[in-house]
N, C-alpha and C. Protein backbone atom coordinates (compact mmCIF):
# COMPACT_ATOMS: atom_id res chain seq x y z
N UNK A 1 -2.08 -6.39 -32.25
CA UNK A 1 -0.73 -6.23 -31.73
C UNK A 1 -0.04 -5.12 -32.53
N UNK A 2 0.88 -4.45 -31.87
CA UNK A 2 1.59 -3.34 -32.49
C UNK A 2 2.53 -3.83 -33.59
N UNK A 3 2.68 -3.00 -34.61
CA UNK A 3 3.59 -3.33 -35.72
C UNK A 3 4.91 -2.57 -35.61
N UNK A 4 4.88 -1.38 -35.05
CA UNK A 4 6.08 -0.55 -34.94
C UNK A 4 6.95 -1.06 -33.78
N UNK A 5 8.26 -1.05 -33.98
CA UNK A 5 9.18 -1.59 -32.97
C UNK A 5 9.04 -0.86 -31.63
N UNK A 6 8.94 0.47 -31.66
CA UNK A 6 8.83 1.22 -30.41
C UNK A 6 7.52 0.91 -29.69
N UNK A 7 6.46 0.65 -30.45
CA UNK A 7 5.18 0.32 -29.83
C UNK A 7 5.24 -1.07 -29.19
N UNK A 8 5.97 -1.98 -29.83
CA UNK A 8 6.15 -3.32 -29.26
C UNK A 8 6.92 -3.22 -27.94
N UNK A 9 7.95 -2.38 -27.94
CA UNK A 9 8.75 -2.20 -26.73
C UNK A 9 7.90 -1.60 -25.61
N UNK A 10 7.09 -0.59 -25.94
CA UNK A 10 6.24 0.02 -24.92
C UNK A 10 5.24 -0.99 -24.36
N UNK A 11 4.75 -1.88 -25.22
CA UNK A 11 3.82 -2.91 -24.76
C UNK A 11 4.52 -3.85 -23.77
N UNK A 12 5.76 -4.22 -24.09
CA UNK A 12 6.53 -5.08 -23.17
C UNK A 12 6.78 -4.37 -21.86
N UNK A 13 7.17 -3.11 -21.93
CA UNK A 13 7.45 -2.35 -20.72
C UNK A 13 6.20 -2.17 -19.88
N UNK A 14 5.10 -1.90 -20.56
CA UNK A 14 3.84 -1.71 -19.84
C UNK A 14 3.42 -2.94 -19.07
N UNK A 15 3.61 -4.10 -19.68
CA UNK A 15 3.26 -5.36 -19.02
C UNK A 15 4.16 -5.58 -17.79
N UNK A 16 5.44 -5.28 -17.93
CA UNK A 16 6.37 -5.43 -16.81
C UNK A 16 6.00 -4.47 -15.68
N UNK A 17 5.68 -3.23 -16.04
CA UNK A 17 5.30 -2.24 -15.03
C UNK A 17 3.99 -2.63 -14.34
N UNK A 18 3.05 -3.17 -15.10
CA UNK A 18 1.77 -3.59 -14.52
C UNK A 18 1.99 -4.68 -13.48
N UNK A 19 2.82 -5.66 -13.82
CA UNK A 19 3.10 -6.75 -12.89
C UNK A 19 3.80 -6.23 -11.64
N UNK A 20 4.74 -5.31 -11.80
CA UNK A 20 5.46 -4.76 -10.65
C UNK A 20 4.51 -3.97 -9.76
N UNK A 21 3.66 -3.13 -10.37
CA UNK A 21 2.72 -2.34 -9.58
C UNK A 21 1.72 -3.23 -8.86
N UNK A 22 1.28 -4.31 -9.49
CA UNK A 22 0.34 -5.23 -8.84
C UNK A 22 0.99 -5.85 -7.61
N UNK A 23 2.25 -6.20 -7.72
CA UNK A 23 2.98 -6.77 -6.59
C UNK A 23 3.08 -5.75 -5.45
N UNK A 24 3.39 -4.52 -5.79
CA UNK A 24 3.51 -3.47 -4.78
C UNK A 24 2.17 -3.20 -4.09
N UNK A 25 1.08 -3.18 -4.87
CA UNK A 25 -0.25 -2.96 -4.29
C UNK A 25 -0.62 -4.10 -3.35
N UNK A 26 -0.25 -5.32 -3.72
CA UNK A 26 -0.53 -6.48 -2.88
C UNK A 26 0.21 -6.34 -1.55
N UNK A 27 1.47 -5.92 -1.61
CA UNK A 27 2.26 -5.73 -0.39
C UNK A 27 1.64 -4.66 0.49
N UNK A 28 1.14 -3.60 -0.13
CA UNK A 28 0.49 -2.52 0.60
C UNK A 28 -0.74 -3.03 1.34
N UNK A 29 -1.57 -3.78 0.62
CA UNK A 29 -2.79 -4.31 1.24
C UNK A 29 -2.47 -5.28 2.37
N UNK A 30 -1.42 -6.07 2.19
CA UNK A 30 -1.02 -7.02 3.24
C UNK A 30 -0.61 -6.27 4.50
N UNK A 31 0.13 -5.19 4.35
CA UNK A 31 0.56 -4.43 5.52
C UNK A 31 -0.64 -3.81 6.24
N UNK A 32 -1.64 -3.37 5.47
CA UNK A 32 -2.85 -2.82 6.09
C UNK A 32 -3.63 -3.91 6.82
N UNK A 33 -3.68 -5.11 6.23
CA UNK A 33 -4.38 -6.22 6.87
C UNK A 33 -3.73 -6.62 8.19
N UNK A 34 -2.40 -6.55 8.28
CA UNK A 34 -1.70 -6.88 9.52
C UNK A 34 -2.12 -5.94 10.64
N UNK A 35 -2.26 -4.66 10.31
CA UNK A 35 -2.69 -3.69 11.32
C UNK A 35 -4.12 -4.00 11.76
N UNK A 36 -4.98 -4.26 10.80
CA UNK A 36 -6.39 -4.53 11.13
C UNK A 36 -6.55 -5.79 11.97
N UNK A 37 -5.74 -6.82 11.68
CA UNK A 37 -5.81 -8.05 12.48
C UNK A 37 -5.40 -7.79 13.92
N UNK A 38 -4.36 -6.98 14.11
CA UNK A 38 -3.91 -6.64 15.46
C UNK A 38 -4.96 -5.81 16.18
N UNK A 39 -5.64 -4.93 15.46
CA UNK A 39 -6.70 -4.12 16.08
C UNK A 39 -7.86 -5.00 16.50
N UNK A 40 -8.24 -5.95 15.62
CA UNK A 40 -9.34 -6.86 15.96
C UNK A 40 -9.00 -7.73 17.16
N UNK A 41 -7.70 -8.07 17.32
CA UNK A 41 -7.26 -8.90 18.44
C UNK A 41 -7.06 -8.06 19.71
N UNK A 42 -7.32 -6.76 19.61
CA UNK A 42 -7.17 -5.82 20.73
C UNK A 42 -5.73 -5.77 21.24
N UNK A 43 -4.78 -5.98 20.34
CA UNK A 43 -3.35 -5.95 20.66
C UNK A 43 -2.80 -4.57 20.29
N UNK A 44 -2.79 -3.67 21.28
CA UNK A 44 -2.39 -2.29 20.98
C UNK A 44 -0.92 -2.19 20.61
N UNK A 45 -0.06 -2.91 21.30
CA UNK A 45 1.38 -2.85 21.00
C UNK A 45 1.66 -3.42 19.61
N UNK A 46 1.05 -4.55 19.30
CA UNK A 46 1.23 -5.16 17.99
C UNK A 46 0.67 -4.29 16.88
N UNK A 47 -0.45 -3.67 17.16
CA UNK A 47 -1.08 -2.79 16.17
C UNK A 47 -0.20 -1.57 15.92
N UNK A 48 0.42 -1.05 16.97
CA UNK A 48 1.26 0.14 16.82
C UNK A 48 2.50 -0.17 15.98
N UNK A 49 3.12 -1.33 16.21
CA UNK A 49 4.30 -1.68 15.41
C UNK A 49 3.92 -1.97 13.96
N UNK A 50 2.80 -2.65 13.76
CA UNK A 50 2.33 -2.94 12.40
C UNK A 50 1.94 -1.64 11.70
N UNK A 51 1.40 -0.70 12.46
CA UNK A 51 1.01 0.60 11.90
C UNK A 51 2.23 1.37 11.41
N UNK A 52 3.32 1.32 12.17
CA UNK A 52 4.54 2.02 11.75
C UNK A 52 5.05 1.49 10.43
N UNK A 53 5.02 0.17 10.27
CA UNK A 53 5.47 -0.44 9.02
C UNK A 53 4.53 -0.06 7.88
N UNK A 54 3.23 -0.10 8.14
CA UNK A 54 2.24 0.23 7.11
C UNK A 54 2.33 1.70 6.72
N UNK A 55 2.59 2.55 7.69
CA UNK A 55 2.70 3.98 7.42
C UNK A 55 3.87 4.26 6.46
N UNK A 56 4.98 3.58 6.67
CA UNK A 56 6.14 3.75 5.80
C UNK A 56 5.82 3.30 4.38
N UNK A 57 5.12 2.18 4.26
CA UNK A 57 4.75 1.65 2.95
C UNK A 57 3.78 2.61 2.25
N UNK A 58 2.79 3.09 2.98
CA UNK A 58 1.82 4.03 2.41
C UNK A 58 2.50 5.29 1.90
N UNK A 59 3.39 5.86 2.70
CA UNK A 59 4.08 7.09 2.30
C UNK A 59 4.97 6.84 1.08
N UNK A 60 5.65 5.70 1.07
CA UNK A 60 6.55 5.39 -0.04
C UNK A 60 5.78 5.29 -1.36
N UNK A 61 4.65 4.57 -1.33
CA UNK A 61 3.90 4.38 -2.58
C UNK A 61 3.11 5.61 -2.98
N UNK A 62 2.75 6.45 -2.00
CA UNK A 62 2.10 7.71 -2.34
C UNK A 62 3.09 8.64 -3.03
N UNK A 63 4.33 8.64 -2.56
CA UNK A 63 5.33 9.52 -3.18
C UNK A 63 5.70 9.04 -4.58
N UNK A 64 5.60 7.75 -4.82
CA UNK A 64 5.91 7.19 -6.13
C UNK A 64 4.73 7.25 -7.10
N UNK A 65 3.57 7.59 -6.58
CA UNK A 65 2.41 7.72 -7.45
C UNK A 65 1.61 6.44 -7.63
N UNK A 66 1.93 5.40 -6.87
CA UNK A 66 1.17 4.16 -6.98
C UNK A 66 -0.24 4.35 -6.43
N UNK A 67 -0.35 5.12 -5.35
CA UNK A 67 -1.66 5.51 -4.80
C UNK A 67 -1.63 7.03 -4.62
N UNK A 68 -2.81 7.61 -4.50
CA UNK A 68 -2.91 9.05 -4.31
C UNK A 68 -2.52 9.40 -2.88
N UNK A 69 -1.93 10.58 -2.69
CA UNK A 69 -1.48 10.98 -1.36
C UNK A 69 -2.64 11.10 -0.38
N UNK A 70 -3.81 11.49 -0.88
CA UNK A 70 -4.97 11.60 0.02
C UNK A 70 -5.45 10.23 0.47
N UNK A 71 -5.31 9.23 -0.38
CA UNK A 71 -5.69 7.88 0.00
C UNK A 71 -4.77 7.38 1.11
N UNK A 72 -3.48 7.66 0.99
CA UNK A 72 -2.52 7.28 2.02
C UNK A 72 -2.86 7.98 3.33
N UNK A 73 -3.16 9.26 3.26
CA UNK A 73 -3.49 10.03 4.46
C UNK A 73 -4.77 9.51 5.10
N UNK A 74 -5.74 9.15 4.28
CA UNK A 74 -7.01 8.63 4.80
C UNK A 74 -6.79 7.33 5.55
N UNK A 75 -6.03 6.41 4.96
CA UNK A 75 -5.76 5.13 5.62
C UNK A 75 -5.00 5.34 6.93
N UNK A 76 -3.99 6.20 6.92
CA UNK A 76 -3.21 6.44 8.13
C UNK A 76 -4.08 7.04 9.23
N UNK A 77 -4.93 7.98 8.86
CA UNK A 77 -5.79 8.63 9.84
C UNK A 77 -6.76 7.65 10.49
N UNK A 78 -7.39 6.83 9.66
CA UNK A 78 -8.38 5.89 10.19
C UNK A 78 -7.73 4.82 11.05
N UNK A 79 -6.58 4.30 10.61
CA UNK A 79 -5.90 3.28 11.40
C UNK A 79 -5.43 3.86 12.73
N UNK A 80 -4.88 5.07 12.70
CA UNK A 80 -4.42 5.71 13.94
C UNK A 80 -5.58 5.90 14.92
N UNK A 81 -6.74 6.27 14.40
CA UNK A 81 -7.91 6.48 15.26
C UNK A 81 -8.35 5.16 15.90
N UNK A 82 -8.31 4.08 15.11
CA UNK A 82 -8.68 2.76 15.65
C UNK A 82 -7.71 2.34 16.74
N UNK A 83 -6.42 2.57 16.53
CA UNK A 83 -5.42 2.18 17.52
C UNK A 83 -5.59 3.01 18.79
N UNK A 84 -5.84 4.30 18.63
CA UNK A 84 -6.04 5.18 19.77
C UNK A 84 -7.27 4.74 20.57
N UNK A 85 -8.29 4.24 19.88
CA UNK A 85 -9.52 3.83 20.57
C UNK A 85 -9.33 2.54 21.36
N UNK A 86 -8.24 1.82 21.14
CA UNK A 86 -8.00 0.58 21.89
C UNK A 86 -7.67 0.85 23.35
N UNK A 87 -7.28 2.07 23.69
CA UNK A 87 -6.90 2.39 25.07
C UNK A 87 -8.03 2.10 26.00
């Protein structure tokens, strides 16, 4: 364990940030799962609305640095292609 006061504070902050980021990543994955469930159910309208919500979440976390921007783009591209294929 750290002995210096500033190192102790950074350890506390790091733990809080880790917990917050884990929560945000979980929310991101949940939004992606909602889209995939709608795609598997062949529900194009439901998939499209779930996709819009997931797209906003992906863009938000990519801009904040929680995930890489290319990862967000990859997920959006693949989900959009699956939804388009439901036609």
